[in-house]
């Protein structure tokens, strides 16, 4: 089987752990690494793929509260050619879906993985969400 060519459209290294190397925290809110877990894949940090957005005109309301119009996307960086899969941010994926449509080659991370239940920074993820 041919190895996938993956472009990392984020500025972060992506470290993926096998499902069997993680467990749910006692409160069921975090995936935790089991002792001795080793990443199955590391994808080097890449160059951000960005999108641009703007605000629509705000509605006229009788209020002192500052309001702005809804956000709409008005541009996305093009995908570099020659890759089977592109790991992108959720924001970029949303913009791409709205403006281009086909997200079959886009992936976002699935399930942040933490070293311990007390950690606030993830050490990896449990895979990729594609499409």
C-alpha atoms as a PDB file:
ATOM      1  CA  UNK A   1       0.000   0.000   0.000  1.00  0.00           C
ATOM      2  CA  UNK A   2       1.283   3.480  -0.935  1.00  0.00           C
ATOM      3  CA  UNK A   3       2.028   5.804   1.996  1.00  0.00           C
ATOM      4  CA  UNK A   4      -0.149   8.933   2.039  1.00  0.00           C
ATOM      5  CA  UNK A   5       1.584  12.207   1.296  1.00  0.00           C
ATOM      6  CA  UNK A   6       0.350  14.633   3.954  1.00  0.00           C
ATOM      7  CA  UNK A   7       0.736  18.410   3.971  1.00  0.00           C
ATOM      8  CA  UNK A   8       0.517  20.001   7.412  1.00  0.00           C
ATOM      9  CA  UNK A   9      -1.274  23.318   6.904  1.00  0.00           C
ATOM     10  CA  UNK A  10      -0.788  24.277  10.565  1.00  0.00           C
ATOM     11  CA  UNK A  11       2.181  25.663  12.460  1.00  0.00           C
ATOM     12  CA  UNK A  12       2.051  22.778  14.956  1.00  0.00           C
ATOM     13  CA  UNK A  13       3.672  19.367  14.929  1.00  0.00           C
ATOM     14  CA  UNK A  14       0.957  16.732  14.901  1.00  0.00           C
ATOM     15  CA  UNK A  15       1.613  13.699  17.091  1.00  0.00           C
ATOM     16  CA  UNK A  16      -0.831  10.824  16.708  1.00  0.00           C
ATOM     17  CA  UNK A  17      -1.265   8.051  19.269  1.00  0.00           C
ATOM     18  CA  UNK A  18      -3.002   4.711  18.733  1.00  0.00           C
ATOM     19  CA  UNK A  19      -6.418   4.360  20.350  1.00  0.00           C
ATOM     20  CA  UNK A  20      -5.173   1.472  22.497  1.00  0.00           C
ATOM     21  CA  UNK A  21      -2.492   3.770  23.961  1.00  0.00           C
ATOM     22  CA  UNK A  22      -5.105   6.116  25.438  1.00  0.00           C
ATOM     23  CA  UNK A  23      -7.831   5.912  28.042  1.00  0.00           C
ATOM     24  CA  UNK A  24     -10.586   8.241  29.218  1.00  0.00           C
ATOM     25  CA  UNK A  25     -10.023  10.254  32.377  1.00  0.00           C
ATOM     26  CA  UNK A  26     -12.221   9.401  35.377  1.00  0.00           C
ATOM     27  CA  UNK A  27     -14.577  12.273  34.561  1.00  0.00           C
ATOM     28  CA  UNK A  28     -14.766  11.130  30.926  1.00  0.00           C
ATOM     29  CA  UNK A  29     -13.616  14.489  29.571  1.00  0.00           C
ATOM     30  CA  UNK A  30     -10.012  13.868  28.476  1.00  0.00           C
ATOM     31  CA  UNK A  31      -8.074  11.233  26.603  1.00  0.00           C
ATOM     32  CA  UNK A  32      -4.991  10.324  28.631  1.00  0.00           C
ATOM     33  CA  UNK A  33      -1.833   8.551  27.545  1.00  0.00           C
ATOM     34  CA  UNK A  34      -1.231   5.138  28.987  1.00  0.00           C
ATOM     35  CA  UNK A  35       2.183   4.465  30.474  1.00  0.00           C
ATOM     36  CA  UNK A  36       4.753   3.620  27.811  1.00  0.00           C
ATOM     37  CA  UNK A  37       2.675   5.019  24.930  1.00  0.00           C
ATOM     38  CA  UNK A  38       4.670   5.855  21.818  1.00  0.00           C
ATOM     39  CA  UNK A  39       3.378   7.968  18.909  1.00  0.00           C
ATOM     40  CA  UNK A  40       2.471   6.031  15.771  1.00  0.00           C
ATOM     41  CA  UNK A  41       2.953   9.079  13.516  1.00  0.00           C
ATOM     42  CA  UNK A  42       4.535  12.505  13.793  1.00  0.00           C
ATOM     43  CA  UNK A  43       3.797  15.105  11.130  1.00  0.00           C
ATOM     44  CA  UNK A  44       6.223  18.025  11.153  1.00  0.00           C
ATOM     45  CA  UNK A  45       4.887  21.532  11.678  1.00  0.00           C
ATOM     46  CA  UNK A  46       4.054  23.154   8.388  1.00  0.00           C
ATOM     47  CA  UNK A  47       3.060  26.499   6.974  1.00  0.00           C
ATOM     48  CA  UNK A  48      -0.350  27.813   7.963  1.00  0.00           C
ATOM     49  CA  UNK A  49      -3.096  27.699   5.386  1.00  0.00           C
ATOM     50  CA  UNK A  50      -5.170  30.785   6.143  1.00  0.00           C
ATOM     51  CA  UNK A  51      -8.607  32.089   5.373  1.00  0.00           C
ATOM     52  CA  UNK A  52      -9.937  35.619   5.390  1.00  0.00           C
ATOM     53  CA  UNK A  53     -13.239  36.796   6.720  1.00  0.00           C
ATOM     54  CA  UNK A  54     -15.261  39.957   6.998  1.00  0.00           C
ATOM     55  CA  UNK A  55     -18.310  41.204   8.843  1.00  0.00           C
ATOM     56  CA  UNK A  56     -21.616  41.868   7.134  1.00  0.00           C
ATOM     57  CA  UNK A  57     -23.362  45.139   7.857  1.00  0.00           C
ATOM     58  CA  UNK A  58     -24.788  45.038  11.385  1.00  0.00           C
ATOM     59  CA  UNK A  59     -28.509  45.318  11.934  1.00  0.00           C
ATOM     60  CA  UNK A  60     -29.859  48.611  13.205  1.00  0.00           C
ATOM     61  CA  UNK A  61     -30.919  48.032  16.791  1.00  0.00           C
ATOM     62  CA  UNK A  62     -32.095  50.383  19.494  1.00  0.00           C
ATOM     63  CA  UNK A  63     -29.368  49.523  22.010  1.00  0.00           C
ATOM     64  CA  UNK A  64     -26.198  50.885  23.561  1.00  0.00           C
ATOM     65  CA  UNK A  65     -24.556  47.499  23.122  1.00  0.00           C
ATOM     66  CA  UNK A  66     -21.917  47.530  20.381  1.00  0.00           C
ATOM     67  CA  UNK A  67     -22.878  45.057  17.656  1.00  0.00           C
ATOM     68  CA  UNK A  68     -21.235  43.903  14.446  1.00  0.00           C
ATOM     69  CA  UNK A  69     -22.609  41.941  11.529  1.00  0.00           C
ATOM     70  CA  UNK A  70     -22.193  38.215  11.117  1.00  0.00           C
ATOM     71  CA  UNK A  71     -18.836  36.886   9.952  1.00  0.00           C
ATOM     72  CA  UNK A  72     -18.569  35.535   6.422  1.00  0.00           C
ATOM     73  CA  UNK A  73     -15.544  34.023   4.738  1.00  0.00           C
ATOM     74  CA  UNK A  74     -14.191  35.791   1.676  1.00  0.00           C
ATOM     75  CA  UNK A  75     -11.021  33.869   0.827  1.00  0.00           C
ATOM     76  CA  UNK A  76      -8.842  30.812   1.465  1.00  0.00           C
ATOM     77  CA  UNK A  77      -5.216  30.110   0.679  1.00  0.00           C
ATOM     78  CA  UNK A  78      -4.958  27.613  -2.180  1.00  0.00           C
ATOM     79  CA  UNK A  79      -3.937  24.065  -1.321  1.00  0.00           C
ATOM     80  CA  UNK A  80      -0.399  23.239  -2.471  1.00  0.00           C
ATOM     81  CA  UNK A  81      -0.524  20.644  -5.244  1.00  0.00           C
ATOM     82  CA  UNK A  82       0.804  17.122  -5.030  1.00  0.00           C
ATOM     83  CA  UNK A  83      -0.513  15.866  -1.687  1.00  0.00           C
ATOM     84  CA  UNK A  84      -3.084  13.195  -0.838  1.00  0.00           C
ATOM     85  CA  UNK A  85      -4.224  14.863   2.392  1.00  0.00           C
ATOM     86  CA  UNK A  86      -4.056  18.327   3.978  1.00  0.00           C
ATOM     87  CA  UNK A  87      -4.206  18.779   7.763  1.00  0.00           C
ATOM     88  CA  UNK A  88      -5.834  22.149   8.434  1.00  0.00           C
ATOM     89  CA  UNK A  89      -7.447  24.133  11.234  1.00  0.00           C
ATOM     90  CA  UNK A  90     -11.178  23.871  11.852  1.00  0.00           C
ATOM     91  CA  UNK A  91     -11.521  27.525  10.803  1.00  0.00           C
ATOM     92  CA  UNK A  92      -9.780  26.914   7.453  1.00  0.00           C
ATOM     93  CA  UNK A  93     -11.890  23.801   6.856  1.00  0.00           C
ATOM     94  CA  UNK A  94     -15.103  25.757   7.482  1.00  0.00           C
ATOM     95  CA  UNK A  95     -14.038  28.521   5.093  1.00  0.00           C
ATOM     96  CA  UNK A  96     -12.921  26.012   2.449  1.00  0.00           C
ATOM     97  CA  UNK A  97     -16.223  24.147   2.673  1.00  0.00           C
ATOM     98  CA  UNK A  98     -18.192  27.375   2.304  1.00  0.00           C
ATOM     99  CA  UNK A  99     -16.126  28.828  -0.557  1.00  0.00           C
ATOM    100  CA  UNK A 100     -14.793  25.797  -2.448  1.00  0.00           C
ATOM    101  CA  UNK A 101     -16.995  22.902  -1.382  1.00  0.00           C
ATOM    102  CA  UNK A 102     -15.108  19.606  -1.630  1.00  0.00           C
ATOM    103  CA  UNK A 103     -13.380  18.834   1.682  1.00  0.00           C
ATOM    104  CA  UNK A 104     -12.587  15.183   0.902  1.00  0.00           C
ATOM    105  CA  UNK A 105      -8.823  15.828   1.113  1.00  0.00           C
ATOM    106  CA  UNK A 106      -8.970  17.976   4.256  1.00  0.00           C
ATOM    107  CA  UNK A 107      -8.300  16.640   7.732  1.00  0.00           C
ATOM    108  CA  UNK A 108      -8.496  18.107  11.232  1.00  0.00           C
ATOM    109  CA  UNK A 109      -7.250  16.539  14.448  1.00  0.00           C
ATOM    110  CA  UNK A 110      -9.475  14.146  16.354  1.00  0.00           C
ATOM    111  CA  UNK A 111      -9.449  14.073  20.135  1.00  0.00           C
ATOM    112  CA  UNK A 112      -6.664  15.878  21.953  1.00  0.00           C
ATOM    113  CA  UNK A 113      -4.543  13.530  24.106  1.00  0.00           C
ATOM    114  CA  UNK A 114      -3.059  14.647  27.440  1.00  0.00           C
ATOM    115  CA  UNK A 115      -0.198  13.277  29.538  1.00  0.00           C
ATOM    116  CA  UNK A 116      -2.266  13.490  32.757  1.00  0.00           C
ATOM    117  CA  UNK A 117      -5.757  14.633  33.753  1.00  0.00           C
ATOM    118  CA  UNK A 118      -4.260  17.779  35.306  1.00  0.00           C
ATOM    119  CA  UNK A 119      -2.464  18.856  32.111  1.00  0.00           C
ATOM    120  CA  UNK A 120      -3.908  21.761  30.182  1.00  0.00           C
ATOM    121  CA  UNK A 121      -1.729  21.319  27.089  1.00  0.00           C
ATOM    122  CA  UNK A 122      -2.253  18.366  24.777  1.00  0.00           C
ATOM    123  CA  UNK A 123       0.698  16.157  23.814  1.00  0.00           C
ATOM    124  CA  UNK A 124      -0.964  14.776  20.706  1.00  0.00           C
ATOM    125  CA  UNK A 125      -4.195  13.550  19.221  1.00  0.00           C
ATOM    126  CA  UNK A 126      -6.077  10.301  18.649  1.00  0.00           C
ATOM    127  CA  UNK A 127      -6.170  10.508  14.863  1.00  0.00           C
ATOM    128  CA  UNK A 128      -7.536  12.628  12.048  1.00  0.00           C
ATOM    129  CA  UNK A 129     -11.049  13.578  10.942  1.00  0.00           C
ATOM    130  CA  UNK A 130     -11.202  13.523   7.144  1.00  0.00           C
ATOM    131  CA  UNK A 131     -13.798  15.146   4.903  1.00  0.00           C
END
